[in-house]
């Protein structure tokens, strides 16, 4: 997969999320997509990206903890929108533009995209890195749905809501471009940032799995979605 295709697909994922909000308004099946993406991401992390990260950087565990804590801080401002949660009834959220949520989601998307191509420096790792890419791609759809729902609820016009959503859609491609440039034209290693992103993915994927149902109970459909995510992750990885 070329870099250009990766950039376009990231943008397309965000556009799909926005269109789904406009078309179906309330997506009861979005939680199934979230459960699938959580299982998919967790499988790619455990079976490929985590072992490879330890091979490239002996301090991986330290940076994973940093990524985990960074995600906690981001979620303090984003209200959990990374997991597809909208929380449009939270106090004060609908009254004004959700600047904290918007900026934290943009930062999350930017950071997680920078190291996605880092393991391309090892030819035998290319396939598994694309597995992580597809996991992030699938996850972006419900995140875009959550953000678009919040933007609509904040009182913005449809045009401005789409404008901010598309700005959010550009953050991951920009991060991917910067990471690719660093890898190709500098000697600076991004293995530490890959480990940091793993910590963020850990938090997001496990929270999705355990909070994808009301009362933290997983029904049969969500259990099947998670299992399918596991299986697809194993097949792609």
Protein backbone atom coordinates (compact mmCIF):
# COMPACT_ATOMS: atom_id res chain seq x y z
CA UNK A 1 0.00 0.00 0.00
CA UNK A 2 1.49 3.35 -1.02
CA UNK A 3 1.70 6.33 1.31
CA UNK A 4 -0.78 8.25 -0.87
CA UNK A 5 -3.37 5.50 -0.50
CA UNK A 6 -2.85 5.43 3.28
CA UNK A 7 -3.39 9.18 3.49
CA UNK A 8 -6.55 9.09 1.40
CA UNK A 9 -8.04 6.16 3.30
CA UNK A 10 -7.55 7.89 6.67
CA UNK A 11 -9.46 10.88 5.33
CA UNK A 12 -12.14 8.62 3.84
CA UNK A 13 -12.68 6.89 7.22
CA UNK A 14 -13.50 10.23 8.85
CA UNK A 15 -15.81 11.19 5.98
CA UNK A 16 -17.65 7.86 6.32
CA UNK A 17 -18.23 8.55 10.01
CA UNK A 18 -19.63 12.00 9.29
CA UNK A 19 -21.92 10.70 6.54
CA UNK A 20 -23.28 7.98 8.82
CA UNK A 21 -24.27 10.60 11.39
CA UNK A 22 -26.15 12.61 8.74
CA UNK A 23 -27.78 9.54 7.21
CA UNK A 24 -28.82 7.42 10.17
CA UNK A 25 -28.61 9.92 13.03
CA UNK A 26 -28.64 7.18 15.66
CA UNK A 27 -26.43 4.22 14.91
CA UNK A 28 -27.20 1.30 17.24
CA UNK A 29 -24.73 -0.81 15.27
CA UNK A 30 -21.88 1.61 15.90
CA UNK A 31 -21.11 -0.17 19.18
CA UNK A 32 -20.62 -3.38 17.22
CA UNK A 33 -18.09 -1.62 15.01
CA UNK A 34 -16.38 -0.30 18.13
CA UNK A 35 -16.24 -3.80 19.64
CA UNK A 36 -14.78 -5.18 16.41
CA UNK A 37 -12.12 -2.45 16.25
CA UNK A 38 -11.22 -3.00 19.91
CA UNK A 39 -10.67 -6.71 19.36
CA UNK A 40 -8.79 -6.08 16.12
CA UNK A 41 -6.42 -3.51 17.65
CA UNK A 42 -5.72 -5.65 20.70
CA UNK A 43 -4.87 -8.67 18.54
CA UNK A 44 -2.46 -6.73 16.31
CA UNK A 45 -0.77 -5.22 19.37
CA UNK A 46 -0.26 -8.50 21.26
CA UNK A 47 0.69 -10.73 18.33
CA UNK A 48 2.95 -8.43 16.31
CA UNK A 49 3.51 -4.79 17.21
CA UNK A 50 4.38 -5.29 20.89
CA UNK A 51 6.99 -8.04 20.33
CA UNK A 52 8.52 -6.10 17.44
CA UNK A 53 8.64 -2.92 19.50
CA UNK A 54 10.62 -4.71 22.23
CA UNK A 55 13.05 -5.95 19.56
CA UNK A 56 13.70 -2.40 18.38
CA UNK A 57 13.71 -0.59 21.73
CA UNK A 58 14.58 -2.10 25.11
CA UNK A 59 12.75 0.75 26.86
CA UNK A 60 9.43 -0.09 25.22
CA UNK A 61 7.68 -0.80 28.55
CA UNK A 62 8.55 2.67 29.86
CA UNK A 63 7.14 4.41 26.78
CA UNK A 64 4.01 2.22 26.82
CA UNK A 65 3.30 3.54 30.30
CA UNK A 66 3.81 7.10 29.05
CA UNK A 67 1.37 6.46 26.20
CA UNK A 68 -1.17 4.96 28.59
CA UNK A 69 -0.97 8.00 30.88
CA UNK A 70 -1.09 10.39 27.91
CA UNK A 71 -4.32 8.75 26.78
CA UNK A 72 -5.78 9.19 30.28
CA UNK A 73 -4.99 12.91 30.12
CA UNK A 74 -6.47 13.25 26.64
CA UNK A 75 -9.65 11.49 27.73
CA UNK A 76 -10.04 13.92 30.59
CA UNK A 77 -10.60 16.60 27.94
CA UNK A 78 -12.23 14.49 25.21
CA UNK A 79 -14.83 12.88 27.52
CA UNK A 80 -14.04 9.47 26.02
CA UNK A 81 -14.88 10.33 22.41
CA UNK A 82 -11.95 8.14 21.31
CA UNK A 83 -14.16 5.20 22.25
CA UNK A 84 -17.13 6.40 20.25
CA UNK A 85 -18.80 7.92 23.31
CA UNK A 86 -20.69 11.12 22.61
CA UNK A 87 -21.78 12.24 26.09
CA UNK A 88 -23.85 15.00 24.52
CA UNK A 89 -25.83 15.34 27.72
CA UNK A 90 -22.82 16.16 29.88
CA UNK A 91 -23.09 19.44 31.74
CA UNK A 92 -22.17 22.44 29.60
CA UNK A 93 -21.12 20.43 26.56
CA UNK A 94 -23.88 21.47 24.15
CA UNK A 95 -23.79 25.17 25.04
CA UNK A 96 -20.61 26.02 23.13
CA UNK A 97 -18.02 24.71 20.72
CA UNK A 98 -16.31 21.68 22.34
CA UNK A 99 -12.78 23.04 21.92
CA UNK A 100 -11.16 20.69 24.49
CA UNK A 101 -12.74 17.61 22.92
CA UNK A 102 -11.84 18.72 19.40
CA UNK A 103 -8.20 19.52 20.20
CA UNK A 104 -7.62 16.36 22.25
CA UNK A 105 -9.05 14.16 19.49
CA UNK A 106 -6.87 15.92 16.91
CA UNK A 107 -3.79 15.42 19.10
CA UNK A 108 -4.68 11.76 19.61
CA UNK A 109 -5.09 11.18 15.86
CA UNK A 110 -1.87 13.05 15.08
CA UNK A 111 0.29 11.19 17.61
CA UNK A 112 -1.01 7.71 16.82
CA UNK A 113 -0.37 8.17 13.07
CA UNK A 114 3.25 9.33 13.26
CA UNK A 115 4.88 5.94 13.99
CA UNK A 116 2.57 3.73 11.90
CA UNK A 117 5.16 3.20 9.16
CA UNK A 118 8.11 2.99 11.52
CA UNK A 119 8.50 -0.79 11.35
CA UNK A 120 8.83 -0.60 7.57
CA UNK A 121 12.55 -0.36 8.19
CA UNK A 122 12.36 -4.12 8.66
CA UNK A 123 10.96 -5.79 5.56
CA UNK A 124 9.58 -8.77 7.48
CA UNK A 125 7.46 -6.43 9.57
CA UNK A 126 5.67 -4.63 6.76
CA UNK A 127 2.61 -6.90 6.73
CA UNK A 128 1.93 -6.63 10.46
CA UNK A 129 2.33 -2.85 10.40
CA UNK A 130 -0.38 -2.67 7.77
CA UNK A 131 -2.51 -4.70 10.16
CA UNK A 132 -2.12 -1.95 12.74
CA UNK A 133 -2.91 0.62 10.06
CA UNK A 134 -6.21 -1.11 9.26
CA UNK A 135 -7.02 -1.32 12.95
CA UNK A 136 -6.58 2.45 13.28
CA UNK A 137 -8.56 2.97 10.06
CA UNK A 138 -11.56 0.99 11.32
CA UNK A 139 -11.38 2.74 14.69
CA UNK A 140 -11.49 6.20 13.07
CA UNK A 141 -15.03 5.67 11.79
CA UNK A 142 -16.78 5.51 15.20
CA UNK A 143 -14.50 8.26 16.53
CA UNK A 144 -15.60 10.49 13.62
CA UNK A 145 -19.21 9.58 14.37
CA UNK A 146 -18.77 10.62 18.00
CA UNK A 147 -17.08 13.90 17.05
CA UNK A 148 -19.67 14.77 14.39
CA UNK A 149 -22.48 14.06 16.85
CA UNK A 150 -20.85 16.34 19.44
CA UNK A 151 -20.25 19.10 16.88
CA UNK A 152 -23.88 18.93 15.73
CA UNK A 153 -25.10 19.03 19.33
CA UNK A 154 -22.94 22.09 20.06
CA UNK A 155 -25.17 24.18 17.82
CA UNK A 156 -22.85 24.56 14.84
CA UNK A 157 -24.33 24.77 11.37
CA UNK A 158 -23.98 21.68 9.21
CA UNK A 159 -21.36 23.43 7.07
CA UNK A 160 -19.20 24.40 10.06
CA UNK A 161 -19.68 20.98 11.63
CA UNK A 162 -18.32 19.35 8.48
CA UNK A 163 -15.51 21.89 8.26
CA UNK A 164 -14.24 21.01 11.74
CA UNK A 165 -14.69 17.30 11.08
CA UNK A 166 -12.59 17.56 7.92
CA UNK A 167 -9.91 19.48 9.84
CA UNK A 168 -9.87 16.56 12.27
CA UNK A 169 -9.62 14.24 9.26
CA UNK A 170 -6.40 15.95 8.18
CA UNK A 171 -4.55 15.42 11.48
CA UNK A 172 -3.78 11.72 10.97
CA UNK A 173 -2.50 12.18 7.39
CA UNK A 174 -0.27 15.02 8.59
CA UNK A 175 1.09 12.80 11.36
CA UNK A 176 1.68 9.98 8.90
CA UNK A 177 3.52 12.33 6.53
CA UNK A 178 5.75 13.65 9.30
CA UNK A 179 6.56 10.15 10.50
CA UNK A 180 7.34 9.01 6.98
CA UNK A 181 9.59 12.04 6.38
CA UNK A 182 11.48 11.45 9.64
CA UNK A 183 11.98 7.78 8.73
CA UNK A 184 13.19 8.49 5.17
CA UNK A 185 15.30 11.63 5.58
CA UNK A 186 16.69 11.58 9.11
CA UNK A 187 18.51 9.13 11.35
CA UNK A 188 16.08 9.87 14.17
CA UNK A 189 14.34 6.73 15.43
CA UNK A 190 10.62 6.75 16.13
CA UNK A 191 10.58 3.43 17.95
CA UNK A 192 9.92 5.24 21.23
CA UNK A 193 6.90 6.95 19.70
CA UNK A 194 5.62 3.62 18.38
CA UNK A 195 5.81 2.28 21.95
CA UNK A 196 3.99 5.39 23.20
CA UNK A 197 1.27 4.83 20.61
CA UNK A 198 0.99 1.20 21.76
CA UNK A 199 0.21 2.46 25.26
CA UNK A 200 -2.52 4.69 23.83
CA UNK A 201 -3.90 1.79 21.77
CA UNK A 202 -3.87 -0.44 24.86
CA UNK A 203 -6.03 1.98 26.77
CA UNK A 204 -8.42 2.68 23.90
CA UNK A 205 -8.92 -0.96 22.85
CA UNK A 206 -9.43 -2.34 26.36
CA UNK A 207 -11.80 0.48 27.29
CA UNK A 208 -13.80 -0.19 24.12
CA UNK A 209 -14.11 -3.88 24.98
CA UNK A 210 -15.11 -3.36 28.61
CA UNK A 211 -17.33 -0.32 28.08
CA UNK A 212 -18.99 -1.24 24.77
CA UNK A 213 -22.18 -2.32 26.56
CA UNK A 214 -24.42 -0.77 29.16
CA UNK A 215 -23.40 -1.72 32.68
CA UNK A 216 -20.15 -3.22 31.36
CA UNK A 217 -22.08 -6.32 30.27
CA UNK A 218 -21.19 -7.84 26.92
CA UNK A 219 -24.13 -9.31 25.05
CA UNK A 220 -23.88 -12.05 22.45
CA UNK A 221 -23.67 -9.72 19.44
CA UNK A 222 -20.87 -7.63 20.94
CA UNK A 223 -19.05 -10.77 22.05
CA UNK A 224 -19.22 -12.06 18.47
CA UNK A 225 -17.99 -8.69 17.14
CA UNK A 226 -14.99 -8.81 19.49
CA UNK A 227 -14.21 -12.42 18.54
CA UNK A 228 -14.46 -11.56 14.83
CA UNK A 229 -12.05 -8.67 15.48
CA UNK A 230 -9.64 -11.14 17.10
CA UNK A 231 -9.90 -13.57 14.17
CA UNK A 232 -9.49 -10.89 11.48
CA UNK A 233 -6.50 -9.48 13.38
CA UNK A 234 -4.87 -12.90 13.42
CA UNK A 235 -5.56 -13.44 9.72
CA UNK A 236 -4.27 -10.02 8.63
CA UNK A 237 -1.32 -10.08 11.03
